[in-house]
Structure formats: C-alpha cells, structure tokens
Amino acid sequence: MGPRAALRTKIQSPRATAAEAAGLRWLRVEGGPPVPVVHEADGGRLVVDEIPHGTPDPRAAETFGRRLAALHLAGAGAFGAPPPGGPREATIGRATMINEPAAEWPAWFASHRIRPYARQAGIDDDTGIGEVCDRIGELAGPPEPPARLHGDLWSGNVLWGADGRVWLIDPAAHGGHRESDLAMLRLFGCPFLGHVLGAYGEVAPLADGWERRVPLHQLFPLLVHAVLFGGGYRSEAVAAARAALRG
C-alpha cells in the first residue's frame, strides 16, 4: 500500500458542509474532471483529500476542457435542482443560494439568480437589471437541457494538480446552463482558457451566439460579489446587464 493521502479539513456551517459534500459526490462522473474524495461531512466539519498543487500547462487545459464538457453532459434533473442529498438552501461563497427546481432556464435564472441578488445588493431595476429579466426569454439563446454545473467555477476553484490533472474543488453545484460555468471561468480568469474552450467545443459544441451571452451568465457571480463585497462589483453587474441587452 502507498502512503495515505493528505487530508484537508474545512470548518463551516452545517448547511455549507452538507451542500459542498453533496456537490463533490455529484460532480464525480465518468470522464469528468477529478474531484476530491469526501471522507467526512459531519455538522460543520468537512474532510476531503488535499490535492498537491502543480503548474498550468496547455495539454492539461485541453484535457480539462474535454472533461468539463463530459461533466456538463452528465446532466441534472432540472434547472436549479440540488445534488442528491444536498439542501435546498445551499451557499455560494458566504452567500445563501436557493436551489429550487424549474423546467425552463430563462425564468428560473431571472427569478432565482438575478432578481434576489440585485435586491440584496441594492441595485435598482432601472439600471438594466429589470429589462434583462423582462427580456430573458429572447436573451437566453436556444433551449438546452439542464447541465451538471460546478456552480462556482472561478480560477480559485480550478486546481492544477501536481499529477498533471485539473481538479475541481469547493463547488456550489446545481442544475443549470453550461454557459454559466464557462462564463465564470472567463470572468475571473483561467490559465490557457482558449485551450480549455477549444477542447470543450470538440466534445460539446456551444450554440451560436454564446459569446454574446457571456455578460448575461456573468450577472449571477457579479451580483453575488456585489452582495458580499459591494463596491465596484455593483457597477460591474450593471455594466454586464447593459452588455447583455446590447447582445
């Protein structure tokens, strides 16, 4: 037997622990990106594998793109559906995130991912947020089935491992639109993103016009940041809403 893997312990709220543990288990799909094994999820204590850090490189980025496509294609029961065993009231960062299943993405995204966070951040409808929600049907692009999302896919949760693989950590997993994960990667930066997206498209091509919809999908993480940190994130969210309207 080899040496026992190092473990990482997180102390957080019981709700956050339950949501993260369920998300990590759900994201473990055949052909998808590797995720740490959950060893313990009891109350507010989460114990998972510690992943040694490596260095980003183009080949690993391409493999990650193909594996991320496989994860998204694994699907979900509905838009907004929590992972099996995960709580309806989950978290993204330190913010509450409600996972309420819905049959169609546009109305769900407007009612559960845009309006609640805009209100919490103190952003008025007349900044463009209200018009985005009113026109969400025409802005959303072609209908797609629910994808299995990481849900908080910024660069800090994409771990380039010493084993040459790209790991996913700290999810806010739920059923959603796959362009949302990709838009968050683009918003907060990802090494060799062009390689990631190119390889992703080989497995699961994106619908025409996806680049015009990036600001729409970036609204949710920007609004979450506006709620948590305020400041310039409010103006960035408003700018994203206006860019989404311009298409």
Protein backbone atom coordinates (compact mmCIF):
# COMPACT_ATOMS: atom_id res chain seq x y z
CA MET A 1 0.00 0.00 0.00
CA GLY A 2 1.15 3.52 -0.76
CA PRO A 3 1.21 6.35 1.76
CA ARG A 4 -2.10 7.69 2.99
CA ALA A 5 -3.27 10.76 1.08
CA ALA A 6 -3.09 14.06 2.94
CA LEU A 7 -6.45 15.39 4.07
CA ARG A 8 -7.92 18.88 4.08
CA THR A 9 -10.36 19.90 6.83
CA LYS A 10 -12.82 22.78 6.49
CA ILE A 11 -14.90 24.14 9.35
CA GLN A 12 -18.01 25.93 8.14
CA SER A 13 -21.76 25.96 8.74
CA PRO A 14 -23.58 22.61 8.71
CA ARG A 15 -25.61 23.80 5.72
CA ALA A 16 -22.48 24.69 3.73
CA THR A 17 -20.87 21.38 4.66
CA ALA A 18 -23.90 19.37 3.52
CA ALA A 19 -24.13 21.28 0.25
CA GLU A 20 -20.42 21.01 -0.57
CA ALA A 21 -20.21 17.31 0.26
CA ALA A 22 -23.26 16.51 -1.86
CA GLY A 23 -21.85 18.62 -4.69
CA LEU A 24 -18.46 16.92 -4.67
CA ARG A 25 -20.07 13.49 -4.79
CA TRP A 26 -22.41 14.54 -7.61
CA LEU A 27 -19.59 16.02 -9.70
CA ARG A 28 -17.70 12.73 -9.71
CA VAL A 29 -18.77 11.39 -13.12
CA GLU A 30 -17.12 9.04 -15.59
CA GLY A 31 -14.88 11.02 -17.92
CA GLY A 32 -15.30 14.23 -15.90
CA PRO A 33 -12.69 16.29 -14.05
CA PRO A 34 -11.33 14.70 -10.87
CA VAL A 35 -12.76 15.93 -7.58
CA PRO A 36 -11.50 15.28 -4.03
CA VAL A 37 -12.98 12.34 -2.15
CA VAL A 38 -15.25 13.26 0.76
CA HIS A 39 -14.05 11.39 3.87
CA GLU A 40 -16.26 13.10 6.45
CA ALA A 41 -19.16 15.54 6.38
CA ASP A 42 -20.49 15.87 9.90
CA GLY A 43 -22.13 19.04 11.14
CA GLY A 44 -19.78 21.84 10.19
CA ARG A 45 -16.73 19.64 9.60
CA LEU A 46 -15.80 18.60 6.06
CA VAL A 47 -12.77 16.37 5.42
CA VAL A 48 -11.61 15.81 1.84
CA ASP A 49 -8.43 14.85 0.00
CA GLU A 50 -5.75 17.52 -0.10
CA ILE A 51 -4.62 17.94 -3.73
CA PRO A 52 -0.93 18.87 -4.21
CA HIS A 53 -0.55 21.89 -6.47
CA GLY A 54 1.15 21.80 -9.86
CA THR A 55 1.67 24.21 -12.74
CA PRO A 56 -0.83 25.07 -15.50
CA ASP A 57 0.04 23.85 -18.99
CA PRO A 58 -1.78 23.74 -22.35
CA ARG A 59 -2.13 19.96 -22.55
CA ALA A 60 -3.74 19.76 -19.11
CA ALA A 61 -6.03 22.65 -20.11
CA GLU A 62 -7.24 20.76 -23.17
CA THR A 63 -7.90 17.62 -21.15
CA PHE A 64 -9.77 19.73 -18.62
CA GLY A 65 -11.94 21.23 -21.37
CA ARG A 66 -12.98 17.80 -22.61
CA ARG A 67 -13.64 16.56 -19.08
CA LEU A 68 -15.65 19.65 -18.17
CA ALA A 69 -17.84 19.01 -21.23
CA ALA A 70 -18.40 15.43 -20.04
CA LEU A 71 -19.42 16.74 -16.61
CA HIS A 72 -21.94 19.17 -18.07
CA LEU A 73 -23.36 16.49 -20.35
CA ALA A 74 -23.98 14.23 -17.34
CA GLY A 75 -26.98 16.46 -16.78
CA ALA A 76 -29.30 17.29 -13.91
CA GLY A 77 -32.91 16.58 -13.07
CA ALA A 78 -33.95 20.20 -13.55
CA PHE A 79 -32.61 23.72 -13.65
CA GLY A 80 -31.95 24.73 -10.07
CA ALA A 81 -32.01 21.13 -8.84
CA PRO A 82 -29.65 20.48 -5.90
CA PRO A 83 -27.32 17.48 -5.94
CA PRO A 84 -28.86 14.30 -4.50
CA GLY A 85 -28.86 14.70 -0.73
CA GLY A 86 -27.96 18.36 -0.95
CA PRO A 87 -30.01 21.05 0.80
CA ARG A 88 -32.42 23.37 -0.97
CA GLU A 89 -30.84 26.29 0.88
CA ALA A 90 -27.19 26.00 -0.11
CA THR A 91 -24.35 28.51 -0.32
CA ILE A 92 -22.07 30.18 -2.83
CA GLY A 93 -19.12 31.65 -1.01
CA ARG A 94 -20.69 33.15 2.11
CA ALA A 95 -23.97 33.96 0.37
CA THR A 96 -27.13 31.89 0.50
CA MET A 97 -28.06 30.14 -2.75
CA ILE A 98 -31.54 28.64 -3.12
CA ASN A 99 -31.77 25.53 -5.29
CA GLU A 100 -35.37 25.49 -6.49
CA PRO A 101 -36.04 23.12 -9.43
CA ALA A 102 -37.68 24.54 -12.54
CA ALA A 103 -38.48 23.21 -16.00
CA GLU A 104 -37.12 26.16 -18.03
CA TRP A 105 -33.87 28.07 -17.63
CA PRO A 106 -34.74 31.68 -18.56
CA ALA A 107 -37.47 32.33 -15.98
CA TRP A 108 -35.57 30.37 -13.31
CA PHE A 109 -32.37 32.35 -13.90
CA ALA A 110 -34.23 35.65 -13.70
CA SER A 111 -36.24 34.79 -10.58
CA HIS A 112 -33.63 32.80 -8.63
CA ARG A 113 -30.26 34.09 -9.80
CA ILE A 114 -30.71 37.73 -10.88
CA ARG A 115 -33.55 39.48 -9.05
CA PRO A 116 -32.87 38.21 -5.48
CA TYR A 117 -29.19 39.18 -5.53
CA ALA A 118 -29.82 42.50 -7.26
CA ARG A 119 -32.27 43.37 -4.45
CA GLN A 120 -29.81 42.30 -1.77
CA ALA A 121 -27.06 44.36 -3.42
CA GLY A 122 -29.30 47.43 -3.61
CA ILE A 123 -29.29 47.59 -7.42
CA ASP A 124 -32.46 49.10 -8.88
CA ASP A 125 -34.40 47.58 -11.77
CA ASP A 126 -33.96 50.72 -13.89
CA THR A 127 -30.21 50.10 -14.15
CA GLY A 128 -30.91 47.45 -16.81
CA ILE A 129 -31.44 44.55 -14.40
CA GLY A 130 -35.21 44.75 -14.74
CA GLU A 131 -35.09 44.83 -18.53
CA VAL A 132 -32.79 41.82 -18.59
CA CYS A 133 -35.29 39.87 -16.50
CA ASP A 134 -38.21 41.03 -18.66
CA ARG A 135 -36.41 40.05 -21.87
CA ILE A 136 -34.67 36.95 -20.55
CA GLY A 137 -36.54 34.68 -22.98
CA GLU A 138 -35.10 36.39 -26.05
CA LEU A 139 -31.64 36.89 -24.49
CA ALA A 140 -31.18 33.27 -23.36
CA GLY A 141 -30.45 31.69 -26.73
CA PRO A 142 -31.62 28.27 -27.89
CA PRO A 143 -33.12 25.97 -25.23
CA GLU A 144 -30.73 23.45 -23.69
CA PRO A 145 -31.25 20.60 -21.22
CA PRO A 146 -30.11 21.13 -17.62
CA ALA A 147 -26.34 20.70 -17.23
CA ARG A 148 -24.50 19.43 -14.18
CA LEU A 149 -22.71 22.58 -13.01
CA HIS A 150 -19.85 23.16 -10.62
CA GLY A 151 -21.62 26.45 -9.99
CA ASP A 152 -18.70 28.50 -8.60
CA LEU A 153 -16.15 27.92 -11.33
CA TRP A 154 -13.73 30.76 -10.78
CA SER A 155 -9.99 30.19 -11.12
CA GLY A 156 -9.51 29.62 -7.38
CA ASN A 157 -11.71 26.53 -7.57
CA VAL A 158 -9.87 25.10 -10.58
CA LEU A 159 -6.82 23.41 -9.11
CA TRP A 160 -3.90 22.47 -11.36
CA GLY A 161 -2.62 19.35 -9.65
CA ALA A 162 0.91 18.05 -9.31
CA ASP A 163 -0.38 14.88 -11.02
CA GLY A 164 -0.91 16.83 -14.26
CA ARG A 165 -4.69 16.83 -13.92
CA VAL A 166 -7.03 19.76 -13.35
CA TRP A 167 -9.22 19.25 -10.28
CA LEU A 168 -12.49 20.87 -9.24
CA ILE A 169 -12.86 21.96 -5.61
CA ASP A 170 -15.33 23.98 -3.48
CA PRO A 171 -18.43 23.67 -5.68
CA ALA A 172 -21.83 25.34 -5.45
CA ALA A 173 -23.25 22.54 -7.58
CA HIS A 174 -26.72 22.58 -9.11
CA GLY A 175 -28.53 22.02 -12.38
CA GLY A 176 -28.08 24.98 -14.69
CA HIS A 177 -26.96 26.27 -18.08
CA ARG A 178 -23.50 25.11 -19.07
CA GLU A 179 -22.61 28.55 -20.43
CA SER A 180 -22.78 29.81 -16.82
CA ASP A 181 -19.77 27.74 -15.74
CA LEU A 182 -17.81 28.83 -18.81
CA ALA A 183 -18.72 32.49 -18.32
CA MET A 184 -17.44 32.39 -14.75
CA LEU A 185 -14.15 30.89 -15.93
CA ARG A 186 -13.81 33.80 -18.33
CA LEU A 187 -14.87 36.44 -15.78
CA PHE A 188 -12.23 35.66 -13.18
CA GLY A 189 -9.56 34.30 -15.48
CA CYS A 190 -8.29 30.80 -16.20
CA PRO A 191 -4.84 29.83 -17.50
CA PHE A 192 -4.94 28.69 -21.13
CA LEU A 193 -8.66 29.43 -21.35
CA GLY A 194 -8.55 29.27 -25.15
CA HIS A 195 -7.26 25.70 -24.94
CA VAL A 196 -9.99 24.83 -22.42
CA LEU A 197 -12.79 26.23 -24.59
CA GLY A 198 -11.43 24.79 -27.82
CA ALA A 199 -11.27 21.27 -26.39
CA TYR A 200 -14.67 21.73 -24.72
CA GLY A 201 -16.21 22.61 -28.08
CA GLU A 202 -14.86 19.44 -29.66
CA VAL A 203 -16.95 17.37 -27.23
CA ALA A 204 -19.96 19.64 -26.70
CA PRO A 205 -20.18 22.50 -29.22
CA LEU A 206 -21.78 25.65 -27.89
CA ALA A 207 -24.88 27.15 -29.50
CA ASP A 208 -24.42 30.03 -31.93
CA GLY A 209 -24.13 33.38 -30.22
CA TRP A 210 -22.68 32.03 -26.97
CA GLU A 211 -20.06 34.78 -26.84
CA ARG A 212 -22.79 37.46 -26.91
CA ARG A 213 -24.43 35.74 -23.94
CA VAL A 214 -21.33 35.78 -21.73
CA PRO A 215 -22.35 39.00 -19.90
CA LEU A 216 -25.80 37.53 -19.18
CA HIS A 217 -24.28 34.49 -17.50
CA GLN A 218 -21.72 36.61 -15.67
CA LEU A 219 -24.51 38.56 -13.98
CA PHE A 220 -25.00 35.94 -11.26
CA PRO A 221 -21.41 35.78 -9.95
CA LEU A 222 -21.08 39.57 -10.22
CA LEU A 223 -24.28 40.06 -8.23
CA VAL A 224 -23.12 37.58 -5.60
CA HIS A 225 -19.90 39.55 -5.28
CA ALA A 226 -21.88 42.78 -5.08
CA VAL A 227 -23.86 41.31 -2.18
CA LEU A 228 -20.75 40.07 -0.37
CA PHE A 229 -18.30 42.88 -1.11
CA GLY A 230 -20.24 45.81 -2.57
CA GLY A 231 -18.02 48.49 -4.07
CA GLY A 232 -17.14 48.19 -7.72
CA TYR A 233 -18.97 44.91 -8.17
CA ARG A 234 -22.28 46.80 -8.26
CA SER A 235 -21.14 48.86 -11.24
CA GLU A 236 -19.68 45.76 -12.91
CA ALA A 237 -23.03 43.97 -12.54
CA VAL A 238 -24.85 46.94 -14.08
CA ALA A 239 -22.34 47.03 -16.94
CA ALA A 240 -22.88 43.30 -17.55
CA ALA A 241 -26.67 43.79 -17.64
CA ARG A 242 -26.33 46.55 -20.21
CA ALA A 243 -23.91 44.47 -22.28
CA ALA A 244 -26.36 41.56 -22.20
CA LEU A 245 -29.09 43.85 -23.52
CA ARG A 246 -26.87 45.04 -26.37
CA GLY A 247 -26.19 41.40 -27.28
